[in-house]
N, C-alpha and C. Protein backbone atom coordinates (compact mmCIF):
# COMPACT_ATOMS: atom_id res chain seq x y z
N UNK A 1 86.15 3.70 84.39
CA UNK A 1 85.52 3.35 83.13
C UNK A 1 84.08 2.90 83.36
N UNK A 2 83.80 2.19 84.48
CA UNK A 2 82.44 1.74 84.75
C UNK A 2 81.46 2.90 84.82
N UNK A 3 81.89 4.02 85.41
CA UNK A 3 81.02 5.19 85.51
C UNK A 3 80.70 5.74 84.12
N UNK A 4 81.68 5.71 83.22
CA UNK A 4 81.45 6.19 81.85
C UNK A 4 80.42 5.30 81.16
N UNK A 5 80.57 4.00 81.32
CA UNK A 5 79.64 3.06 80.68
C UNK A 5 78.23 3.28 81.23
N UNK A 6 78.10 3.42 82.54
CA UNK A 6 76.78 3.66 83.12
C UNK A 6 76.19 4.96 82.61
N UNK A 7 77.01 6.00 82.52
CA UNK A 7 76.54 7.28 82.01
C UNK A 7 76.07 7.15 80.56
N UNK A 8 76.87 6.45 79.74
CA UNK A 8 76.50 6.27 78.35
C UNK A 8 75.19 5.49 78.21
N UNK A 9 75.03 4.47 79.03
CA UNK A 9 73.79 3.69 78.98
C UNK A 9 72.61 4.55 79.42
N UNK A 10 72.81 5.35 80.46
CA UNK A 10 71.73 6.22 80.92
C UNK A 10 71.35 7.23 79.85
N UNK A 11 72.35 7.82 79.20
CA UNK A 11 72.08 8.79 78.13
C UNK A 11 71.34 8.11 76.99
N UNK A 12 71.73 6.88 76.68
CA UNK A 12 71.07 6.19 75.57
C UNK A 12 69.61 5.85 75.89
N UNK A 13 69.25 5.84 77.16
CA UNK A 13 67.86 5.57 77.53
C UNK A 13 66.98 6.81 77.47
N UNK A 14 67.58 7.99 77.36
CA UNK A 14 66.78 9.21 77.31
C UNK A 14 65.72 9.20 76.21
N UNK A 15 66.04 8.74 75.00
CA UNK A 15 64.97 8.69 73.98
C UNK A 15 63.80 7.80 74.41
N UNK A 16 64.09 6.75 75.15
CA UNK A 16 63.02 5.89 75.64
C UNK A 16 62.09 6.68 76.55
N UNK A 17 62.66 7.42 77.50
CA UNK A 17 61.83 8.18 78.43
C UNK A 17 61.02 9.24 77.70
N UNK A 18 61.61 9.85 76.70
CA UNK A 18 60.90 10.86 75.92
C UNK A 18 59.80 10.22 75.09
N UNK A 19 60.10 9.08 74.47
CA UNK A 19 59.15 8.43 73.56
C UNK A 19 57.95 7.85 74.30
N UNK A 20 58.19 7.15 75.39
CA UNK A 20 57.08 6.47 76.06
C UNK A 20 56.44 7.33 77.13
N UNK A 21 57.11 8.40 77.55
CA UNK A 21 56.55 9.27 78.58
C UNK A 21 56.73 8.67 79.96
N UNK A 22 56.81 9.53 80.94
CA UNK A 22 57.04 9.07 82.31
C UNK A 22 55.88 8.24 82.84
N UNK A 23 54.66 8.46 82.35
CA UNK A 23 53.53 7.70 82.88
C UNK A 23 53.69 6.21 82.58
N UNK A 24 54.20 5.85 81.39
CA UNK A 24 54.37 4.45 81.08
C UNK A 24 55.52 3.85 81.88
N UNK A 25 56.57 4.63 82.11
CA UNK A 25 57.70 4.12 82.88
C UNK A 25 57.24 3.74 84.28
N UNK A 26 56.28 4.49 84.84
CA UNK A 26 55.79 4.22 86.19
C UNK A 26 54.56 3.30 86.19
N UNK A 27 54.18 2.76 85.05
CA UNK A 27 52.99 1.92 84.95
C UNK A 27 53.27 0.52 85.48
N UNK A 28 52.37 -0.36 85.21
CA UNK A 28 52.51 -1.74 85.69
C UNK A 28 53.33 -2.61 84.74
N UNK A 29 53.98 -2.01 83.77
CA UNK A 29 54.81 -2.78 82.83
C UNK A 29 55.84 -3.61 83.59
N UNK A 30 55.98 -4.86 83.19
CA UNK A 30 56.96 -5.77 83.78
C UNK A 30 57.94 -6.22 82.70
N UNK A 31 59.18 -5.78 82.82
CA UNK A 31 60.20 -6.16 81.85
C UNK A 31 60.48 -7.65 81.94
N UNK A 32 60.71 -8.27 80.79
CA UNK A 32 61.09 -9.68 80.74
C UNK A 32 62.57 -9.77 80.35
N UNK A 33 63.19 -10.82 80.81
CA UNK A 33 64.61 -11.04 80.51
C UNK A 33 64.81 -12.48 80.05
N UNK A 34 65.73 -12.65 79.11
CA UNK A 34 66.15 -13.98 78.69
C UNK A 34 67.67 -14.01 78.74
N UNK A 35 68.21 -15.01 79.40
CA UNK A 35 69.66 -15.21 79.47
C UNK A 35 70.00 -16.42 78.62
N UNK A 36 70.94 -16.26 77.73
CA UNK A 36 71.33 -17.36 76.85
C UNK A 36 72.85 -17.46 76.79
N UNK A 37 73.35 -18.68 76.75
CA UNK A 37 74.80 -18.92 76.63
C UNK A 37 75.00 -20.03 75.60
N UNK A 38 75.97 -19.83 74.75
CA UNK A 38 76.32 -20.84 73.76
C UNK A 38 77.82 -20.88 73.56
N UNK A 39 78.29 -22.01 73.11
CA UNK A 39 79.71 -22.16 72.77
C UNK A 39 79.81 -22.57 71.31
N UNK A 40 80.77 -21.97 70.64
CA UNK A 40 81.00 -22.32 69.24
C UNK A 40 82.48 -22.61 69.06
N UNK A 41 82.76 -23.57 68.20
CA UNK A 41 84.15 -23.93 67.88
C UNK A 41 84.40 -23.46 66.45
N UNK A 42 85.45 -22.66 66.32
CA UNK A 42 85.75 -22.05 65.03
C UNK A 42 87.08 -22.57 64.49
N UNK A 43 87.14 -22.67 63.17
CA UNK A 43 88.29 -23.26 62.49
C UNK A 43 89.35 -22.22 62.16
N UNK A 44 90.01 -21.74 63.19
CA UNK A 44 91.08 -20.78 63.01
C UNK A 44 91.78 -20.54 64.33
N UNK A 45 93.03 -20.07 64.28
CA UNK A 45 93.75 -19.76 65.51
C UNK A 45 93.14 -18.53 66.18
N UNK A 46 93.31 -18.46 67.47
CA UNK A 46 92.67 -17.41 68.26
C UNK A 46 93.06 -16.00 67.79
N UNK A 47 94.29 -15.82 67.31
CA UNK A 47 94.70 -14.48 66.87
C UNK A 47 93.98 -14.03 65.61
N UNK A 48 93.39 -14.95 64.86
CA UNK A 48 92.57 -14.59 63.69
C UNK A 48 91.08 -14.56 64.04
N UNK A 49 90.68 -15.39 64.99
CA UNK A 49 89.27 -15.50 65.34
C UNK A 49 88.82 -14.34 66.23
N UNK A 50 89.52 -14.07 67.31
CA UNK A 50 89.04 -13.08 68.28
C UNK A 50 88.76 -11.72 67.66
N UNK A 51 89.61 -11.18 66.79
CA UNK A 51 89.29 -9.87 66.22
C UNK A 51 87.97 -9.83 65.45
N UNK A 52 87.49 -10.97 64.97
CA UNK A 52 86.23 -11.00 64.23
C UNK A 52 85.02 -10.68 65.11
N UNK A 53 85.21 -10.61 66.42
CA UNK A 53 84.13 -10.24 67.33
C UNK A 53 84.15 -8.76 67.69
N UNK A 54 85.07 -7.99 67.10
CA UNK A 54 85.09 -6.55 67.33
C UNK A 54 84.16 -5.90 66.31
N UNK A 55 83.66 -4.69 66.61
CA UNK A 55 82.60 -4.11 65.76
C UNK A 55 82.93 -4.02 64.28
N UNK A 56 84.08 -3.48 63.93
CA UNK A 56 84.40 -3.27 62.52
C UNK A 56 84.75 -4.59 61.84
N UNK A 57 85.50 -5.45 62.50
CA UNK A 57 85.91 -6.73 61.91
C UNK A 57 84.72 -7.69 61.72
N UNK A 58 83.67 -7.51 62.49
CA UNK A 58 82.49 -8.38 62.34
C UNK A 58 81.87 -8.22 60.95
N UNK A 59 82.11 -7.08 60.32
CA UNK A 59 81.59 -6.86 58.96
C UNK A 59 82.11 -7.93 57.99
N UNK A 60 83.25 -8.57 58.32
CA UNK A 60 83.83 -9.57 57.43
C UNK A 60 83.01 -10.85 57.37
N UNK A 61 82.12 -11.07 58.35
CA UNK A 61 81.36 -12.33 58.35
C UNK A 61 79.86 -12.17 58.56
N UNK A 62 79.41 -11.03 59.06
CA UNK A 62 77.99 -10.89 59.41
C UNK A 62 77.23 -10.12 58.33
N UNK A 63 76.37 -10.80 57.60
CA UNK A 63 75.57 -10.12 56.57
C UNK A 63 74.73 -9.00 57.17
N UNK A 64 74.75 -7.84 56.53
CA UNK A 64 73.95 -6.72 56.97
C UNK A 64 74.53 -5.91 58.11
N UNK A 65 75.62 -6.36 58.70
CA UNK A 65 76.23 -5.66 59.84
C UNK A 65 77.04 -4.49 59.31
N UNK A 66 76.68 -3.27 59.71
CA UNK A 66 77.38 -2.08 59.23
C UNK A 66 77.48 -1.04 60.35
N UNK A 67 78.38 -1.28 61.31
CA UNK A 67 78.49 -0.34 62.44
C UNK A 67 79.04 1.01 62.01
N UNK A 68 78.50 2.06 62.63
CA UNK A 68 78.97 3.42 62.37
C UNK A 68 79.61 3.95 63.64
N UNK A 69 80.94 4.09 63.67
CA UNK A 69 81.60 4.57 64.87
C UNK A 69 81.15 5.98 65.25
N UNK A 70 80.91 6.17 66.54
CA UNK A 70 80.61 7.49 67.08
C UNK A 70 81.83 8.00 67.82
N UNK A 71 82.34 7.17 68.75
CA UNK A 71 83.57 7.49 69.48
C UNK A 71 84.33 6.23 69.77
N UNK A 72 85.61 6.18 69.53
CA UNK A 72 86.35 7.14 68.73
C UNK A 72 85.93 7.04 67.26
N UNK A 73 85.96 8.16 66.60
CA UNK A 73 85.50 8.22 65.20
C UNK A 73 86.31 7.33 64.28
N UNK A 74 87.54 7.02 64.67
CA UNK A 74 88.40 6.17 63.85
C UNK A 74 87.92 4.72 63.80
N UNK A 75 87.07 4.33 64.75
CA UNK A 75 86.62 2.95 64.81
C UNK A 75 87.55 2.06 65.62
N UNK A 76 88.57 2.67 66.25
CA UNK A 76 89.47 1.90 67.11
C UNK A 76 88.68 1.30 68.26
N UNK A 77 88.91 0.03 68.54
CA UNK A 77 88.19 -0.64 69.61
C UNK A 77 88.86 -0.33 70.94
N UNK A 78 88.11 0.31 71.82
CA UNK A 78 88.55 0.60 73.18
C UNK A 78 87.33 0.45 74.09
N UNK A 79 87.58 0.24 75.38
CA UNK A 79 86.46 0.25 76.31
C UNK A 79 85.81 1.62 76.24
N UNK A 80 84.50 1.63 76.17
CA UNK A 80 83.77 2.87 76.05
C UNK A 80 83.47 3.27 74.61
N UNK A 81 84.00 2.51 73.64
CA UNK A 81 83.69 2.79 72.24
C UNK A 81 82.18 2.80 72.05
N UNK A 82 81.70 3.76 71.28
CA UNK A 82 80.27 3.87 70.99
C UNK A 82 80.10 3.79 69.48
N UNK A 83 79.10 3.01 69.06
CA UNK A 83 78.78 2.94 67.63
C UNK A 83 77.29 2.67 67.49
N UNK A 84 76.79 2.89 66.30
CA UNK A 84 75.38 2.63 66.02
C UNK A 84 75.27 1.63 64.88
N UNK A 85 74.15 0.95 64.86
CA UNK A 85 73.83 0.01 63.77
C UNK A 85 72.36 0.22 63.42
N UNK A 86 72.09 0.37 62.14
CA UNK A 86 70.69 0.50 61.68
C UNK A 86 70.09 -0.89 61.57
N UNK A 87 69.00 -1.10 62.26
CA UNK A 87 68.27 -2.36 62.21
C UNK A 87 66.79 -2.06 62.11
N UNK A 88 66.02 -3.05 61.76
CA UNK A 88 64.58 -2.88 61.74
C UNK A 88 64.09 -3.01 63.18
N UNK A 89 63.47 -2.03 63.77
CA UNK A 89 62.82 -0.88 63.17
C UNK A 89 63.57 0.44 63.35
N UNK A 90 64.83 0.45 63.78
CA UNK A 90 65.50 1.73 63.97
C UNK A 90 66.97 1.56 64.31
N UNK A 91 67.52 2.58 64.94
CA UNK A 91 68.94 2.60 65.28
C UNK A 91 69.17 1.94 66.63
N UNK A 92 70.19 1.08 66.68
CA UNK A 92 70.62 0.45 67.93
C UNK A 92 71.91 1.14 68.35
N UNK A 93 71.96 1.53 69.62
CA UNK A 93 73.12 2.21 70.19
C UNK A 93 73.94 1.20 70.97
N UNK A 94 75.22 1.09 70.63
CA UNK A 94 76.12 0.10 71.20
C UNK A 94 77.25 0.77 71.98
N UNK A 95 77.69 0.10 73.06
CA UNK A 95 78.84 0.52 73.83
C UNK A 95 79.70 -0.72 74.09
N UNK A 96 81.00 -0.60 73.85
CA UNK A 96 81.93 -1.66 74.25
C UNK A 96 82.16 -1.48 75.75
N UNK A 97 81.68 -2.40 76.55
CA UNK A 97 81.76 -2.26 78.00
C UNK A 97 83.00 -2.91 78.60
N UNK A 98 83.60 -3.82 77.87
CA UNK A 98 84.83 -4.49 78.33
C UNK A 98 85.60 -4.93 77.10
N UNK A 99 86.89 -4.66 77.11
CA UNK A 99 87.72 -5.08 75.99
C UNK A 99 89.09 -5.44 76.52
N UNK A 100 89.43 -6.73 76.43
CA UNK A 100 90.73 -7.22 76.89
C UNK A 100 91.28 -8.17 75.82
N UNK A 101 91.98 -7.60 74.81
CA UNK A 101 92.47 -8.46 73.72
C UNK A 101 93.50 -9.49 74.19
N UNK A 102 94.23 -9.23 75.26
CA UNK A 102 95.19 -10.22 75.75
C UNK A 102 94.48 -11.45 76.30
N UNK A 103 93.31 -11.24 76.91
CA UNK A 103 92.54 -12.36 77.45
C UNK A 103 91.48 -12.83 76.47
N UNK A 104 91.40 -12.17 75.30
CA UNK A 104 90.45 -12.52 74.24
C UNK A 104 89.00 -12.43 74.73
N UNK A 105 88.69 -11.28 75.35
CA UNK A 105 87.36 -11.02 75.87
C UNK A 105 86.85 -9.68 75.36
N UNK A 106 85.58 -9.63 75.02
CA UNK A 106 84.93 -8.38 74.65
C UNK A 106 83.47 -8.47 75.10
N UNK A 107 82.96 -7.35 75.60
CA UNK A 107 81.56 -7.28 76.04
C UNK A 107 80.94 -6.00 75.52
N UNK A 108 79.64 -6.08 75.31
CA UNK A 108 78.88 -4.96 74.78
C UNK A 108 77.60 -4.78 75.58
N UNK A 109 77.06 -3.57 75.50
CA UNK A 109 75.68 -3.30 75.88
C UNK A 109 75.09 -2.56 74.70
N UNK A 110 73.84 -2.87 74.39
CA UNK A 110 73.18 -2.12 73.33
C UNK A 110 71.75 -1.78 73.73
N UNK A 111 71.26 -0.70 73.15
CA UNK A 111 69.92 -0.22 73.45
C UNK A 111 69.19 0.05 72.14
N UNK A 112 68.01 -0.53 72.00
CA UNK A 112 67.06 -0.16 70.95
C UNK A 112 66.00 0.64 71.70
N UNK A 113 66.05 1.98 71.61
CA UNK A 113 65.13 2.81 72.41
C UNK A 113 63.68 2.35 72.26
N UNK A 114 63.05 2.23 73.42
CA UNK A 114 61.65 1.82 73.45
C UNK A 114 61.43 0.34 73.31
N UNK A 115 62.49 -0.44 73.09
CA UNK A 115 62.33 -1.88 72.88
C UNK A 115 63.14 -2.73 73.84
N UNK A 116 64.47 -2.71 73.70
CA UNK A 116 65.31 -3.63 74.48
C UNK A 116 66.62 -2.99 74.92
N UNK A 117 67.18 -3.57 75.96
CA UNK A 117 68.56 -3.36 76.37
C UNK A 117 69.16 -4.76 76.41
N UNK A 118 70.32 -4.92 75.78
CA UNK A 118 70.96 -6.24 75.72
C UNK A 118 72.40 -6.14 76.16
N UNK A 119 72.88 -7.23 76.76
CA UNK A 119 74.30 -7.35 77.10
C UNK A 119 74.84 -8.57 76.36
N UNK A 120 76.06 -8.44 75.85
CA UNK A 120 76.69 -9.54 75.13
C UNK A 120 78.12 -9.68 75.67
N UNK A 121 78.51 -10.89 76.03
CA UNK A 121 79.86 -11.18 76.50
C UNK A 121 80.44 -12.29 75.64
N UNK A 122 81.64 -12.06 75.12
CA UNK A 122 82.29 -13.06 74.28
C UNK A 122 83.68 -13.31 74.84
N UNK A 123 84.01 -14.57 75.06
CA UNK A 123 85.33 -14.97 75.53
C UNK A 123 85.82 -16.11 74.66
N UNK A 124 87.05 -15.98 74.17
CA UNK A 124 87.62 -17.00 73.29
C UNK A 124 88.84 -17.63 73.96
N UNK A 125 89.06 -18.92 73.65
CA UNK A 125 90.26 -19.61 74.14
C UNK A 125 90.70 -20.60 73.07
N UNK A 126 92.02 -20.83 73.00
CA UNK A 126 92.52 -21.79 72.02
C UNK A 126 91.94 -23.17 72.29
N UNK A 127 91.68 -23.90 71.21
CA UNK A 127 91.15 -25.25 71.33
C UNK A 127 91.92 -26.17 70.38
N UNK A 128 93.21 -25.98 70.33
CA UNK A 128 94.05 -26.74 69.42
C UNK A 128 94.84 -25.78 68.56
N UNK A 129 95.67 -26.34 67.70
CA UNK A 129 96.56 -25.53 66.88
C UNK A 129 95.81 -24.58 65.95
N UNK A 130 94.69 -25.01 65.45
CA UNK A 130 93.98 -24.20 64.47
C UNK A 130 92.49 -24.11 64.78
N UNK A 131 92.15 -24.13 66.07
CA UNK A 131 90.75 -24.01 66.45
C UNK A 131 90.63 -23.10 67.68
N UNK A 132 89.46 -22.46 67.77
CA UNK A 132 89.18 -21.56 68.87
C UNK A 132 87.79 -21.85 69.40
N UNK A 133 87.68 -21.95 70.71
CA UNK A 133 86.40 -22.15 71.38
C UNK A 133 85.94 -20.79 71.90
N UNK A 134 84.71 -20.41 71.56
CA UNK A 134 84.17 -19.12 71.96
C UNK A 134 82.88 -19.32 72.74
N UNK A 135 82.80 -18.67 73.88
CA UNK A 135 81.58 -18.67 74.67
C UNK A 135 80.89 -17.33 74.45
N UNK A 136 79.63 -17.38 74.09
CA UNK A 136 78.86 -16.18 73.77
C UNK A 136 77.64 -16.13 74.69
N UNK A 137 77.59 -15.11 75.55
CA UNK A 137 76.48 -14.94 76.49
C UNK A 137 75.68 -13.70 76.10
N UNK A 138 74.38 -13.86 76.08
CA UNK A 138 73.46 -12.75 75.82
C UNK A 138 72.51 -12.61 77.00
N UNK A 139 72.16 -11.38 77.33
CA UNK A 139 71.07 -11.07 78.25
C UNK A 139 70.17 -10.09 77.51
N UNK A 140 68.95 -10.50 77.22
CA UNK A 140 67.97 -9.67 76.53
C UNK A 140 66.97 -9.16 77.57
N UNK A 141 66.67 -7.85 77.57
CA UNK A 141 65.70 -7.28 78.50
C UNK A 141 64.74 -6.38 77.72
N UNK A 142 63.44 -6.61 77.89
CA UNK A 142 62.44 -5.81 77.22
C UNK A 142 62.20 -4.48 77.93
N UNK A 143 61.97 -3.44 77.15
CA UNK A 143 61.64 -2.12 77.70
C UNK A 143 60.18 -1.75 77.45
N UNK A 144 59.48 -2.59 76.73
CA UNK A 144 58.09 -2.34 76.35
C UNK A 144 57.45 -3.68 76.03
N UNK A 145 56.16 -3.66 75.75
CA UNK A 145 55.51 -4.91 75.33
C UNK A 145 56.16 -5.44 74.06
N UNK A 146 56.46 -4.55 73.12
CA UNK A 146 57.14 -4.96 71.89
C UNK A 146 58.52 -5.56 72.20
N UNK A 147 59.24 -4.93 73.12
CA UNK A 147 60.54 -5.46 73.54
C UNK A 147 60.41 -6.81 74.22
N UNK A 148 59.38 -6.96 75.06
CA UNK A 148 59.16 -8.26 75.70
C UNK A 148 58.87 -9.34 74.67
N UNK A 149 58.16 -9.00 73.60
CA UNK A 149 57.93 -9.98 72.53
C UNK A 149 59.25 -10.40 71.90
N UNK A 150 60.15 -9.44 71.70
CA UNK A 150 61.48 -9.73 71.16
C UNK A 150 62.22 -10.68 72.11
N UNK A 151 62.15 -10.41 73.41
CA UNK A 151 62.83 -11.25 74.41
C UNK A 151 62.26 -12.67 74.36
N UNK A 152 60.93 -12.78 74.35
CA UNK A 152 60.29 -14.10 74.33
C UNK A 152 60.65 -14.89 73.08
N UNK A 153 60.90 -14.18 72.00
CA UNK A 153 61.25 -14.84 70.74
C UNK A 153 62.61 -15.55 70.83
N UNK A 154 63.46 -15.15 71.77
CA UNK A 154 64.80 -15.71 71.87
C UNK A 154 64.83 -16.93 72.81
N UNK A 155 64.16 -17.97 72.38
CA UNK A 155 64.14 -19.23 73.12
C UNK A 155 65.51 -19.89 73.03
N UNK A 156 65.68 -20.95 73.79
CA UNK A 156 66.93 -21.73 73.73
C UNK A 156 67.16 -22.25 72.31
N UNK A 157 66.10 -22.72 71.66
CA UNK A 157 66.23 -23.26 70.30
C UNK A 157 66.62 -22.18 69.31
N UNK A 158 66.02 -21.00 69.42
CA UNK A 158 66.35 -19.89 68.52
C UNK A 158 67.80 -19.47 68.74
N UNK A 159 68.22 -19.42 70.00
CA UNK A 159 69.61 -19.03 70.30
C UNK A 159 70.60 -20.08 69.78
N UNK A 160 70.27 -21.34 69.93
CA UNK A 160 71.14 -22.40 69.40
C UNK A 160 71.28 -22.27 67.88
N UNK A 161 70.19 -21.95 67.21
CA UNK A 161 70.25 -21.75 65.75
C UNK A 161 71.11 -20.53 65.41
N UNK A 162 71.01 -19.49 66.21
CA UNK A 162 71.85 -18.30 66.00
C UNK A 162 73.33 -18.68 66.11
N UNK A 163 73.67 -19.47 67.10
CA UNK A 163 75.06 -19.88 67.28
C UNK A 163 75.53 -20.76 66.11
N UNK A 164 74.64 -21.59 65.57
CA UNK A 164 74.98 -22.39 64.39
C UNK A 164 75.25 -21.48 63.19
N UNK A 165 74.41 -20.46 63.03
CA UNK A 165 74.61 -19.50 61.94
C UNK A 165 75.95 -18.77 62.09
N UNK A 166 76.24 -18.35 63.32
CA UNK A 166 77.51 -17.67 63.56
C UNK A 166 78.67 -18.59 63.19
N UNK A 167 78.61 -19.84 63.63
CA UNK A 167 79.68 -20.80 63.33
C UNK A 167 79.87 -20.93 61.82
N UNK A 168 78.79 -21.12 61.12
CA UNK A 168 78.85 -21.26 59.66
C UNK A 168 79.44 -20.00 59.01
N UNK A 169 78.94 -18.85 59.39
CA UNK A 169 79.37 -17.59 58.78
C UNK A 169 80.83 -17.27 59.09
N UNK A 170 81.23 -17.46 60.35
CA UNK A 170 82.62 -17.15 60.72
C UNK A 170 83.58 -18.14 60.08
N UNK A 171 83.25 -19.42 60.11
CA UNK A 171 84.14 -20.41 59.48
C UNK A 171 84.24 -20.17 57.97
N UNK A 172 83.14 -19.76 57.35
CA UNK A 172 83.18 -19.43 55.93
C UNK A 172 84.15 -18.26 55.69
N UNK A 173 84.06 -17.22 56.49
CA UNK A 173 84.95 -16.07 56.34
C UNK A 173 86.41 -16.46 56.58
N UNK A 174 86.63 -17.32 57.57
CA UNK A 174 88.00 -17.75 57.87
C UNK A 174 88.59 -18.57 56.71
N UNK A 175 87.76 -19.40 56.09
CA UNK A 175 88.29 -20.28 55.04
C UNK A 175 88.33 -19.63 53.66
N UNK A 176 87.42 -18.67 53.40
CA UNK A 176 87.34 -18.09 52.05
C UNK A 176 87.75 -16.63 51.97
N UNK A 177 87.74 -15.94 53.12
CA UNK A 177 88.02 -14.51 53.10
C UNK A 177 86.83 -13.67 52.70
N UNK A 178 85.66 -14.31 52.55
CA UNK A 178 84.45 -13.57 52.18
C UNK A 178 83.32 -13.95 53.13
N UNK A 179 82.26 -13.13 53.12
CA UNK A 179 81.15 -13.46 54.01
C UNK A 179 80.04 -14.14 53.24
N UNK A 180 79.23 -14.88 53.98
CA UNK A 180 78.07 -15.51 53.38
C UNK A 180 77.09 -14.40 53.00
N UNK A 181 76.26 -14.65 52.01
CA UNK A 181 75.30 -13.63 51.57
C UNK A 181 74.26 -13.33 52.63
N UNK A 182 73.79 -14.37 53.30
CA UNK A 182 72.83 -14.19 54.36
C UNK A 182 72.92 -15.41 55.27
N UNK A 183 72.33 -15.28 56.44
CA UNK A 183 72.34 -16.41 57.39
C UNK A 183 71.43 -17.50 56.90
């Protein structure tokens, strides 16, 4: 499966190479990276919380999130699942790189051609009868000056605010069955 994920990531980078040209790839550009980790406590049992971190179920709590399955077309979550999400300024290509529902773990890699490559790891564990503790790790890597600006924007404070928004939005969905209008 690792070979498939690497192949998919390499294929997703082809538009970058075409768009920026080989001369820029070999230039003095220095990619920047930001690593961020946060923990959130959610008001629900793990069997209700963990599925909300899968691509299709995330639509229940994340405003504007509208993944389009590529493979499998059914939207079934499996390792190697590929989907796209329209974001400003374009399409983001996503791959589920690890999926272990028994251990309540899911990981992704995504590529915004010409801008960033990101890795996301989510692991959930019970934290009481009706609570779940989730650790969310992000690695942001710039592919261009614009991408590096995106990476720099993700400071510890910005990431902490993102985790607060996630907590609010997910807990709202768990308690009301609906999503917040916006973060």
